[in-house]
Amino acid sequence: MIQNEKQQARKKTSPGLRLGLQVIRTLTGKPGWIRFRDLQKQCGEPTSASLSRILKVLREEGWVSVSPKGEGYRLGRIGVELEMGLRRHGFLREELRPVIR
């Protein structure tokens, strides 16, 4: 019971930041564009208003890109650069080594 209470309290701390990080995790490594509704489902069904606000900030900061017609989202320039940098420096390989064994 105490563990569940801790998890619930944690979820209430900085919900906007948590949603933004969830969006980035969801888009990382995914090819192509993800539609708003699919992104909403994969991020735990946040309200449309909350997800829209988060996506607006992430777009403004370069973490997320929106398709030319506005129907989909993908990782933006900054997110892609970070992902490529981590791969180039072998970070992911070292982090995953214990899991792969």
PDB file of N, CA and C in Angstrom:
ATOM      1  N   MET A   1       0.820  -1.193   0.000  1.00  0.00           N
ATOM      2  CA  MET A   1       0.000   0.000   0.000  1.00  0.00           C
ATOM      3  C   MET A   1       0.865   1.258   0.000  1.00  0.00           C
ATOM      4  N   ILE A   2       1.915   1.269   0.794  1.00  0.00           N
ATOM      5  CA  ILE A   2       2.786   2.439   0.862  1.00  0.00           C
ATOM      6  C   ILE A   2       3.439   2.695  -0.490  1.00  0.00           C
ATOM      7  N   GLN A   3       3.872   1.637  -1.177  1.00  0.00           N
ATOM      8  CA  GLN A   3       4.492   1.782  -2.498  1.00  0.00           C
ATOM      9  C   GLN A   3       3.518   2.430  -3.478  1.00  0.00           C
ATOM     10  N   ASN A   4       2.267   2.009  -3.456  1.00  0.00           N
ATOM     11  CA  ASN A   4       1.244   2.570  -4.332  1.00  0.00           C
ATOM     12  C   ASN A   4       1.025   4.055  -4.024  1.00  0.00           C
ATOM     13  N   GLU A   5       1.017   4.412  -2.750  1.00  0.00           N
ATOM     14  CA  GLU A   5       0.858   5.814  -2.359  1.00  0.00           C
ATOM     15  C   GLU A   5       2.031   6.652  -2.856  1.00  0.00           C
ATOM     16  N   LYS A   6       3.225   6.097  -2.779  1.00  0.00           N
ATOM     17  CA  LYS A   6       4.407   6.808  -3.275  1.00  0.00           C
ATOM     18  C   LYS A   6       4.310   7.026  -4.777  1.00  0.00           C
ATOM     19  N   GLN A   7       3.852   6.004  -5.500  1.00  0.00           N
ATOM     20  CA  GLN A   7       3.698   6.132  -6.949  1.00  0.00           C
ATOM     21  C   GLN A   7       2.660   7.185  -7.292  1.00  0.00           C
ATOM     22  N   GLN A   8       1.554   7.218  -6.555  1.00  0.00           N
ATOM     23  CA  GLN A   8       0.510   8.209  -6.799  1.00  0.00           C
ATOM     24  C   GLN A   8       1.025   9.615  -6.514  1.00  0.00           C
ATOM     25  N   ALA A   9       1.766   9.786  -5.427  1.00  0.00           N
ATOM     26  CA  ALA A   9       2.326  11.097  -5.094  1.00  0.00           C
ATOM     27  C   ALA A   9       3.319  11.539  -6.161  1.00  0.00           C
ATOM     28  N   ARG A  10       4.112  10.604  -6.653  1.00  0.00           N
ATOM     29  CA  ARG A  10       5.092  10.917  -7.685  1.00  0.00           C
ATOM     30  C   ARG A  10       4.410  11.390  -8.962  1.00  0.00           C
ATOM     31  N   LYS A  11       3.305  10.770  -9.326  1.00  0.00           N
ATOM     32  CA  LYS A  11       2.582  11.143 -10.537  1.00  0.00           C
ATOM     33  C   LYS A  11       2.029  12.559 -10.450  1.00  0.00           C
ATOM     34  N   LYS A  12       1.735  13.029  -9.242  1.00  0.00           N
ATOM     35  CA  LYS A  12       1.182  14.368  -9.062  1.00  0.00           C
ATOM     36  C   LYS A  12       2.252  15.447  -9.108  1.00  0.00           C
ATOM     37  N   THR A  13       3.513  15.074  -8.979  1.00  0.00           N
ATOM     38  CA  THR A  13       4.606  16.029  -9.003  1.00  0.00           C
ATOM     39  C   THR A  13       4.964  16.362 -10.440  1.00  0.00           C
ATOM     40  N   SER A  14       4.876  17.622 -10.804  1.00  0.00           N
ATOM     41  CA  SER A  14       5.238  18.117 -12.142  1.00  0.00           C
ATOM     42  C   SER A  14       4.596  17.308 -13.267  1.00  0.00           C
ATOM     43  N   PRO A  15       3.282  17.232 -13.320  1.00  0.00           N
ATOM     44  CA  PRO A  15       2.636  16.421 -14.355  1.00  0.00           C
ATOM     45  C   PRO A  15       2.952  16.886 -15.775  1.00  0.00           C
ATOM     46  N   GLY A  16       3.121  18.184 -15.974  1.00  0.00           N
ATOM     47  CA  GLY A  16       3.450  18.683 -17.313  1.00  0.00           C
ATOM     48  C   GLY A  16       4.816  18.202 -17.770  1.00  0.00           C
ATOM     49  N   LEU A  17       5.781  18.254 -16.871  1.00  0.00           N
ATOM     50  CA  LEU A  17       7.119  17.770 -17.202  1.00  0.00           C
ATOM     51  C   LEU A  17       7.080  16.277 -17.488  1.00  0.00           C
ATOM     52  N   ARG A  18       6.366  15.543 -16.674  1.00  0.00           N
ATOM     53  CA  ARG A  18       6.249  14.094 -16.886  1.00  0.00           C
ATOM     54  C   ARG A  18       5.620  13.777 -18.237  1.00  0.00           C
ATOM     55  N   LEU A  19       4.596  14.527 -18.614  1.00  0.00           N
ATOM     56  CA  LEU A  19       3.959  14.301 -19.908  1.00  0.00           C
ATOM     57  C   LEU A  19       4.916  14.645 -21.046  1.00  0.00           C
ATOM     58  N   GLY A  20       5.652  15.738 -20.904  1.00  0.00           N
ATOM     59  CA  GLY A  20       6.624  16.102 -21.932  1.00  0.00           C
ATOM     60  C   GLY A  20       7.682  15.028 -22.125  1.00  0.00           C
ATOM     61  N   LEU A  21       8.177  14.486 -21.028  1.00  0.00           N
ATOM     62  CA  LEU A  21       9.167  13.413 -21.117  1.00  0.00           C
ATOM     63  C   LEU A  21       8.559  12.156 -21.729  1.00  0.00           C
ATOM     64  N   GLN A  22       7.307  11.876 -21.398  1.00  0.00           N
ATOM     65  CA  GLN A  22       6.629  10.714 -21.986  1.00  0.00           C
ATOM     66  C   GLN A  22       6.478  10.886 -23.491  1.00  0.00           C
ATOM     67  N   VAL A  23       6.158  12.095 -23.940  1.00  0.00           N
ATOM     68  CA  VAL A  23       6.043  12.364 -25.377  1.00  0.00           C
ATOM     69  C   VAL A  23       7.380  12.098 -26.060  1.00  0.00           C
ATOM     70  N   ILE A  24       8.469  12.601 -25.482  1.00  0.00           N
ATOM     71  CA  ILE A  24       9.798  12.398 -26.074  1.00  0.00           C
ATOM     72  C   ILE A  24      10.137  10.912 -26.109  1.00  0.00           C
ATOM     73  N   ARG A  25       9.876  10.195 -25.009  1.00  0.00           N
ATOM     74  CA  ARG A  25      10.138   8.743 -24.990  1.00  0.00           C
ATOM     75  C   ARG A  25       9.318   8.030 -26.055  1.00  0.00           C
ATOM     76  N   THR A  26       8.077   8.429 -26.219  1.00  0.00           N
ATOM     77  CA  THR A  26       7.193   7.783 -27.187  1.00  0.00           C
ATOM     78  C   THR A  26       7.679   8.012 -28.614  1.00  0.00           C
ATOM     79  N   LEU A  27       8.160   9.202 -28.912  1.00  0.00           N
ATOM     80  CA  LEU A  27       8.589   9.526 -30.270  1.00  0.00           C
ATOM     81  C   LEU A  27       9.994   9.020 -30.596  1.00  0.00           C
ATOM     82  N   THR A  28      10.808   8.787 -29.580  1.00  0.00           N
ATOM     83  CA  THR A  28      12.191   8.369 -29.803  1.00  0.00           C
ATOM     84  C   THR A  28      12.250   7.024 -30.520  1.00  0.00           C
ATOM     85  N   GLY A  29      13.014   6.986 -31.598  1.00  0.00           N
ATOM     86  CA  GLY A  29      13.233   5.754 -32.350  1.00  0.00           C
ATOM     87  C   GLY A  29      12.093   5.345 -33.257  1.00  0.00           C
ATOM     88  N   LYS A  30      11.039   6.145 -33.316  1.00  0.00           N
ATOM     89  CA  LYS A  30       9.897   5.805 -34.167  1.00  0.00           C
ATOM     90  C   LYS A  30      10.075   6.438 -35.550  1.00  0.00           C
ATOM     91  N   PRO A  31       9.952   5.647 -36.601  1.00  0.00           N
ATOM     92  CA  PRO A  31      10.032   6.214 -37.952  1.00  0.00           C
ATOM     93  C   PRO A  31       8.703   6.875 -38.327  1.00  0.00           C
ATOM     94  N   GLY A  32       8.761   7.861 -39.136  1.00  0.00           N
ATOM     95  CA  GLY A  32       7.541   8.492 -39.639  1.00  0.00           C
ATOM     96  C   GLY A  32       6.846   9.362 -38.617  1.00  0.00           C
ATOM     97  N   TRP A  33       5.643   9.748 -38.980  1.00  0.00           N
ATOM     98  CA  TRP A  33       4.840  10.659 -38.172  1.00  0.00           C
ATOM     99  C   TRP A  33       3.844   9.874 -37.326  1.00  0.00           C
ATOM    100  N   ILE A  34       3.577  10.357 -36.120  1.00  0.00           N
ATOM    101  CA  ILE A  34       2.578   9.756 -35.245  1.00  0.00           C
ATOM    102  C   ILE A  34       1.430  10.750 -35.101  1.00  0.00           C
ATOM    103  N   ARG A  35       0.223  10.278 -35.372  1.00  0.00           N
ATOM    104  CA  ARG A  35      -0.950  11.148 -35.265  1.00  0.00           C
ATOM    105  C   ARG A  35      -1.215  11.530 -33.808  1.00  0.00           C
ATOM    106  N   PHE A  36      -1.855  12.683 -33.633  1.00  0.00           N
ATOM    107  CA  PHE A  36      -2.151  13.207 -32.301  1.00  0.00           C
ATOM    108  C   PHE A  36      -2.870  12.169 -31.447  1.00  0.00           C
ATOM    109  N   ARG A  37      -3.922  11.567 -31.976  1.00  0.00           N
ATOM    110  CA  ARG A  37      -4.713  10.612 -31.190  1.00  0.00           C
ATOM    111  C   ARG A  37      -3.892   9.385 -30.805  1.00  0.00           C
ATOM    112  N   ASP A  38      -3.036   8.911 -31.707  1.00  0.00           N
ATOM    113  CA  ASP A  38      -2.178   7.769 -31.387  1.00  0.00           C
ATOM    114  C   ASP A  38      -1.158   8.146 -30.314  1.00  0.00           C
ATOM    115  N   LEU A  39      -0.626   9.341 -30.417  1.00  0.00           N
ATOM    116  CA  LEU A  39       0.316   9.824 -29.408  1.00  0.00           C
ATOM    117  C   LEU A  39      -0.392   9.943 -28.058  1.00  0.00           C
ATOM    118  N   GLN A  40      -1.592  10.447 -28.083  1.00  0.00           N
ATOM    119  CA  GLN A  40      -2.383  10.583 -26.863  1.00  0.00           C
ATOM    120  C   GLN A  40      -2.586   9.213 -26.203  1.00  0.00           C
ATOM    121  N   LYS A  41      -2.935   8.208 -26.984  1.00  0.00           N
ATOM    122  CA  LYS A  41      -3.131   6.852 -26.452  1.00  0.00           C
ATOM    123  C   LYS A  41      -1.839   6.303 -25.864  1.00  0.00           C
ATOM    124  N   GLN A  42      -0.734   6.472 -26.587  1.00  0.00           N
ATOM    125  CA  GLN A  42       0.545   5.910 -26.149  1.00  0.00           C
ATOM    126  C   GLN A  42       1.116   6.633 -24.937  1.00  0.00           C
ATOM    127  N   CYS A  43       0.622   7.838 -24.663  1.00  0.00           N
ATOM    128  CA  CYS A  43       1.099   8.614 -23.511  1.00  0.00           C
ATOM    129  C   CYS A  43       0.160   8.514 -22.312  1.00  0.00           C
ATOM    130  N   GLY A  44      -0.773   7.571 -22.346  1.00  0.00           N
ATOM    131  CA  GLY A  44      -1.633   7.354 -21.191  1.00  0.00           C
ATOM    132  C   GLY A  44      -2.909   8.171 -21.169  1.00  0.00           C
ATOM    133  N   GLU A  45      -3.359   8.627 -22.324  1.00  0.00           N
ATOM    134  CA  GLU A  45      -4.634   9.340 -22.454  1.00  0.00           C
ATOM    135  C   GLU A  45      -4.700  10.674 -21.701  1.00  0.00           C
ATOM    136  N   PRO A  46      -3.691  11.549 -21.839  1.00  0.00           N
ATOM    137  CA  PRO A  46      -3.831  12.886 -21.246  1.00  0.00           C
ATOM    138  C   PRO A  46      -4.937  13.645 -21.978  1.00  0.00           C
ATOM    139  N   THR A  47      -5.431  14.717 -21.388  1.00  0.00           N
ATOM    140  CA  THR A  47      -6.453  15.503 -22.080  1.00  0.00           C
ATOM    141  C   THR A  47      -5.857  16.102 -23.351  1.00  0.00           C
ATOM    142  N   SER A  48      -6.709  16.364 -24.313  1.00  0.00           N
ATOM    143  CA  SER A  48      -6.250  16.977 -25.568  1.00  0.00           C
ATOM    144  C   SER A  48      -5.588  18.319 -25.299  1.00  0.00           C
ATOM    145  N   ALA A  49      -6.162  19.088 -24.373  1.00  0.00           N
ATOM    146  CA  ALA A  49      -5.606  20.404 -24.052  1.00  0.00           C
ATOM    147  C   ALA A  49      -4.199  20.279 -23.461  1.00  0.00           C
ATOM    148  N   SER A  50      -4.012  19.345 -22.538  1.00  0.00           N
ATOM    149  CA  SER A  50      -2.688  19.157 -21.916  1.00  0.00           C
ATOM    150  C   SER A  50      -1.653  18.738 -22.947  1.00  0.00           C
ATOM    151  N   LEU A  51      -2.008  17.760 -23.769  1.00  0.00           N
ATOM    152  CA  LEU A  51      -1.068  17.274 -24.774  1.00  0.00           C
ATOM    153  C   LEU A  51      -0.762  18.361 -25.798  1.00  0.00           C
ATOM    154  N   SER A  52      -1.761  19.132 -26.183  1.00  0.00           N
ATOM    155  CA  SER A  52      -1.543  20.222 -27.142  1.00  0.00           C
ATOM    156  C   SER A  52      -0.574  21.256 -26.588  1.00  0.00           C
ATOM    157  N   ARG A  53      -0.735  21.620 -25.318  1.00  0.00           N
ATOM    158  CA  ARG A  53       0.178  22.599 -24.694  1.00  0.00           C
ATOM    159  C   ARG A  53       1.604  22.063 -24.649  1.00  0.00           C
ATOM    160  N   ILE A  54       1.748  20.803 -24.260  1.00  0.00           N
ATOM    161  CA  ILE A  54       3.080  20.194 -24.184  1.00  0.00           C
ATOM    162  C   ILE A  54       3.715  20.145 -25.569  1.00  0.00           C
ATOM    163  N   LEU A  55       2.963  19.723 -26.575  1.00  0.00           N
ATOM    164  CA  LEU A  55       3.497  19.646 -27.940  1.00  0.00           C
ATOM    165  C   LEU A  55       3.901  21.022 -28.455  1.00  0.00           C
ATOM    166  N   LYS A  56       3.150  22.047 -28.108  1.00  0.00           N
ATOM    167  CA  LYS A  56       3.484  23.411 -28.531  1.00  0.00           C
ATOM    168  C   LYS A  56       4.849  23.819 -27.977  1.00  0.00           C
ATOM    169  N   VAL A  57       5.062  23.583 -26.693  1.00  0.00           N
ATOM    170  CA  VAL A  57       6.343  23.930 -26.069  1.00  0.00           C
ATOM    171  C   VAL A  57       7.471  23.093 -26.663  1.00  0.00           C
ATOM    172  N   LEU A  58       7.251  21.793 -26.818  1.00  0.00           N
ATOM    173  CA  LEU A  58       8.287  20.920 -27.371  1.00  0.00           C
ATOM    174  C   LEU A  58       8.630  21.306 -28.810  1.00  0.00           C
ATOM    175  N   ARG A  59       7.645  21.746 -29.585  1.00  0.00           N
ATOM    176  CA  ARG A  59       7.909  22.231 -30.952  1.00  0.00           C
ATOM    177  C   ARG A  59       8.730  23.513 -30.905  1.00  0.00           C
ATOM    178  N   GLU A  60       8.330  24.449 -30.054  1.00  0.00           N
ATOM    179  CA  GLU A  60       9.044  25.721 -29.942  1.00  0.00           C
ATOM    180  C   GLU A  60      10.499  25.521 -29.543  1.00  0.00           C
ATOM    181  N   GLU A  61      10.766  24.506 -28.746  1.00  0.00           N
ATOM    182  CA  GLU A  61      12.123  24.244 -28.254  1.00  0.00           C
ATOM    183  C   GLU A  61      12.910  23.289 -29.145  1.00  0.00           C
ATOM    184  N   GLY A  62      12.311  22.788 -30.215  1.00  0.00           N
ATOM    185  CA  GLY A  62      13.019  21.930 -31.159  1.00  0.00           C
ATOM    186  C   GLY A  62      13.037  20.450 -30.832  1.00  0.00           C
ATOM    187  N   TRP A  63      12.284  20.032 -29.818  1.00  0.00           N
ATOM    188  CA  TRP A  63      12.263  18.629 -29.429  1.00  0.00           C
ATOM    189  C   TRP A  63      11.302  17.808 -30.271  1.00  0.00           C
ATOM    190  N   VAL A  64      10.283  18.464 -30.821  1.00  0.00           N
ATOM    191  CA  VAL A  64       9.255  17.789 -31.614  1.00  0.00           C
ATOM    192  C   VAL A  64       9.036  18.575 -32.898  1.00  0.00           C
ATOM    193  N   SER A  65       8.802  17.848 -33.992  1.00  0.00           N
ATOM    194  CA  SER A  65       8.445  18.459 -35.280  1.00  0.00           C
ATOM    195  C   SER A  65       7.025  18.053 -35.623  1.00  0.00           C
ATOM    196  N   VAL A  66       6.329  18.954 -36.308  1.00  0.00           N
ATOM    197  CA  VAL A  66       4.974  18.656 -36.769  1.00  0.00           C
ATOM    198  C   VAL A  66       5.023  18.511 -38.284  1.00  0.00           C
ATOM    199  N   SER A  67       4.249  17.592 -38.825  1.00  0.00           N
ATOM    200  CA  SER A  67       4.251  17.350 -40.271  1.00  0.00           C
ATOM    201  C   SER A  67       3.767  18.599 -41.011  1.00  0.00           C
ATOM    202  N   PRO A  68       4.150  18.737 -42.283  1.00  0.00           N
ATOM    203  CA  PRO A  68       3.764  19.929 -43.048  1.00  0.00           C
ATOM    204  C   PRO A  68       2.258  20.202 -43.050  1.00  0.00           C
ATOM    205  N   LYS A  69       1.456  19.161 -43.063  1.00  0.00           N
ATOM    206  CA  LYS A  69       0.000  19.348 -43.055  1.00  0.00           C
ATOM    207  C   LYS A  69      -0.574  19.365 -41.639  1.00  0.00           C
ATOM    208  N   GLY A  70       0.280  19.217 -40.637  1.00  0.00           N
ATOM    209  CA  GLY A  70      -0.164  19.293 -39.251  1.00  0.00           C
ATOM    210  C   GLY A  70      -0.876  18.069 -38.712  1.00  0.00           C
ATOM    211  N   GLU A  71      -0.752  16.936 -39.401  1.00  0.00           N
ATOM    212  CA  GLU A  71      -1.487  15.754 -38.941  1.00  0.00           C
ATOM    213  C   GLU A  71      -0.641  14.775 -38.135  1.00  0.00           C
ATOM    214  N   GLY A  72       0.641  15.020 -37.978  1.00  0.00           N
ATOM    215  CA  GLY A  72       1.473  14.077 -37.237  1.00  0.00           C
ATOM    216  C   GLY A  72       2.669  14.744 -36.579  1.00  0.00           C
ATOM    217  N   TYR A  73       3.292  13.998 -35.669  1.00  0.00           N
ATOM    218  CA  TYR A  73       4.437  14.491 -34.906  1.00  0.00           C
ATOM    219  C   TYR A  73       5.556  13.470 -34.961  1.00  0.00           C
ATOM    220  N   ARG A  74       6.775  13.953 -34.841  1.00  0.00           N
ATOM    221  CA  ARG A  74       7.940  13.079 -34.708  1.00  0.00           C
ATOM    222  C   ARG A  74       8.998  13.831 -33.916  1.00  0.00           C
ATOM    223  N   LEU A  75      10.044  13.113 -33.561  1.00  0.00           N
ATOM    224  CA  LEU A  75      11.131  13.722 -32.812  1.00  0.00           C
ATOM    225  C   LEU A  75      11.725  14.857 -33.631  1.00  0.00           C
ATOM    226  N   GLY A  76      11.989  15.974 -33.004  1.00  0.00           N
ATOM    227  CA  GLY A  76      12.545  17.135 -33.683  1.00  0.00           C
ATOM    228  C   GLY A  76      14.060  17.108 -33.734  1.00  0.00           C
ATOM    229  N   ARG A  77      14.620  18.185 -34.231  1.00  0.00           N
ATOM    230  CA  ARG A  77      16.062  18.296 -34.447  1.00  0.00           C
ATOM    231  C   ARG A  77      16.861  18.019 -33.177  1.00  0.00           C
ATOM    232  N   ILE A  78      16.498  18.635 -32.079  1.00  0.00           N
ATOM    233  CA  ILE A  78      17.263  18.456 -30.841  1.00  0.00           C
ATOM    234  C   ILE A  78      17.175  17.013 -30.354  1.00  0.00           C
ATOM    235  N   GLY A  79      15.999  16.440 -30.394  1.00  0.00           N
ATOM    236  CA  GLY A  79      15.834  15.051 -29.973  1.00  0.00           C
ATOM    237  C   GLY A  79      16.628  14.089 -30.830  1.00  0.00           C
ATOM    238  N   VAL A  80      16.615  14.321 -32.139  1.00  0.00           N
ATOM    239  CA  VAL A  80      17.366  13.457 -33.063  1.00  0.00           C
ATOM    240  C   VAL A  80      18.861  13.600 -32.818  1.00  0.00           C
ATOM    241  N   GLU A  81      19.332  14.831 -32.622  1.00  0.00           N
ATOM    242  CA  GLU A  81      20.759  15.044 -32.355  1.00  0.00           C
ATOM    243  C   GLU A  81      21.187  14.340 -31.078  1.00  0.00           C
ATOM    244  N   LEU A  82      20.374  14.409 -30.050  1.00  0.00           N
ATOM    245  CA  LEU A  82      20.692  13.731 -28.793  1.00  0.00           C
ATOM    246  C   LEU A  82      20.726  12.219 -28.991  1.00  0.00           C
ATOM    247  N   GLU A  83      19.729  11.691 -29.667  1.00  0.00           N
ATOM    248  CA  GLU A  83      19.670  10.250 -29.927  1.00  0.00           C
ATOM    249  C   GLU A  83      20.896   9.788 -30.714  1.00  0.00           C
ATOM    250  N   MET A  84      21.276  10.538 -31.745  1.00  0.00           N
ATOM    251  CA  MET A  84      22.442  10.175 -32.561  1.00  0.00           C
ATOM    252  C   MET A  84      23.728  10.282 -31.756  1.00  0.00           C
ATOM    253  N   GLY A  85      23.834  11.311 -30.931  1.00  0.00           N
ATOM    254  CA  GLY A  85      25.022  11.481 -30.109  1.00  0.00           C
ATOM    255  C   GLY A  85      25.203  10.347 -29.120  1.00  0.00           C
ATOM    256  N   LEU A  86      24.120   9.918 -28.519  1.00  0.00           N
ATOM    257  CA  LEU A  86      24.198   8.803 -27.577  1.00  0.00           C
ATOM    258  C   LEU A  86      24.635   7.528 -28.275  1.00  0.00           C
ATOM    259  N   ARG A  87      24.115   7.294 -29.459  1.00  0.00           N
ATOM    260  CA  ARG A  87      24.510   6.104 -30.217  1.00  0.00           C
ATOM    261  C   ARG A  87      25.977   6.181 -30.625  1.00  0.00           C
ATOM    262  N   ARG A  88      26.392   7.350 -31.088  1.00  0.00           N
ATOM    263  CA  ARG A  88      27.759   7.528 -31.567  1.00  0.00           C
ATOM    264  C   ARG A  88      28.775   7.275 -30.454  1.00  0.00           C
ATOM    265  N   HIS A  89      28.426   7.666 -29.253  1.00  0.00           N
ATOM    266  CA  HIS A  89      29.364   7.516 -28.142  1.00  0.00           C
ATOM    267  C   HIS A  89      29.206   6.191 -27.404  1.00  0.00           C
ATOM    268  N   GLY A  90      28.375   5.320 -27.927  1.00  0.00           N
ATOM    269  CA  GLY A  90      28.240   3.993 -27.344  1.00  0.00           C
ATOM    270  C   GLY A  90      27.476   3.956 -26.035  1.00  0.00           C
ATOM    271  N   PHE A  91      26.843   5.056 -25.673  1.00  0.00           N
ATOM    272  CA  PHE A  91      26.126   5.118 -24.403  1.00  0.00           C
ATOM    273  C   PHE A  91      25.056   4.040 -24.310  1.00  0.00           C
ATOM    274  N   LEU A  92      24.279   3.916 -25.351  1.00  0.00           N
ATOM    275  CA  LEU A  92      23.192   2.938 -25.313  1.00  0.00           C
ATOM    276  C   LEU A  92      23.719   1.515 -25.224  1.00  0.00           C
ATOM    277  N   ARG A  93      24.801   1.244 -25.927  1.00  0.00           N
ATOM    278  CA  ARG A  93      25.383  -0.098 -25.897  1.00  0.00           C
ATOM    279  C   ARG A  93      25.809  -0.449 -24.471  1.00  0.00           C
ATOM    280  N   GLU A  94      26.460   0.470 -23.791  1.00  0.00           N
ATOM    281  CA  GLU A  94      26.925   0.218 -22.431  1.00  0.00           C
ATOM    282  C   GLU A  94      25.757   0.089 -21.456  1.00  0.00           C
ATOM    283  N   GLU A  95      24.745   0.921 -21.632  1.00  0.00           N
ATOM    284  CA  GLU A  95      23.586   0.872 -20.748  1.00  0.00           C
ATOM    285  C   GLU A  95      22.793  -0.418 -20.928  1.00  0.00           C
ATOM    286  N   LEU A  96      22.748  -0.921 -22.152  1.00  0.00           N
ATOM    287  CA  LEU A  96      21.952  -2.112 -22.438  1.00  0.00           C
ATOM    288  C   LEU A  96      22.710  -3.420 -22.232  1.00  0.00           C
ATOM    289  N   ARG A  97      24.018  -3.350 -22.089  1.00  0.00           N
ATOM    290  CA  ARG A  97      24.819  -4.565 -21.941  1.00  0.00           C
ATOM    291  C   ARG A  97      24.277  -5.506 -20.860  1.00  0.00           C
ATOM    292  N   PRO A  98      23.946  -5.022 -19.644  1.00  0.00           N
ATOM    293  CA  PRO A  98      23.423  -5.950 -18.625  1.00  0.00           C
ATOM    294  C   PRO A  98      22.078  -6.567 -19.009  1.00  0.00           C
ATOM    295  N   VAL A  99      21.287  -5.853 -19.775  1.00  0.00           N
ATOM    296  CA  VAL A  99      19.967  -6.349 -20.162  1.00  0.00           C
ATOM    297  C   VAL A  99      20.084  -7.412 -21.246  1.00  0.00           C
ATOM    298  N   ILE A 100      21.027  -7.231 -22.161  1.00  0.00           N
ATOM    299  CA  ILE A 100      21.192  -8.130 -23.304  1.00  0.00           C
ATOM    300  C   ILE A 100      21.757  -9.477 -22.876  1.00  0.00           C
ATOM    301  N   ARG A 101      22.592  -9.488 -21.870  1.00  0.00           N
ATOM    302  CA  ARG A 101      23.240 -10.735 -21.432  1.00  0.00           C
ATOM    303  C   ARG A 101      22.286 -11.783 -21.074  1.00  0.00           C
TER     304      ARG A 101
END
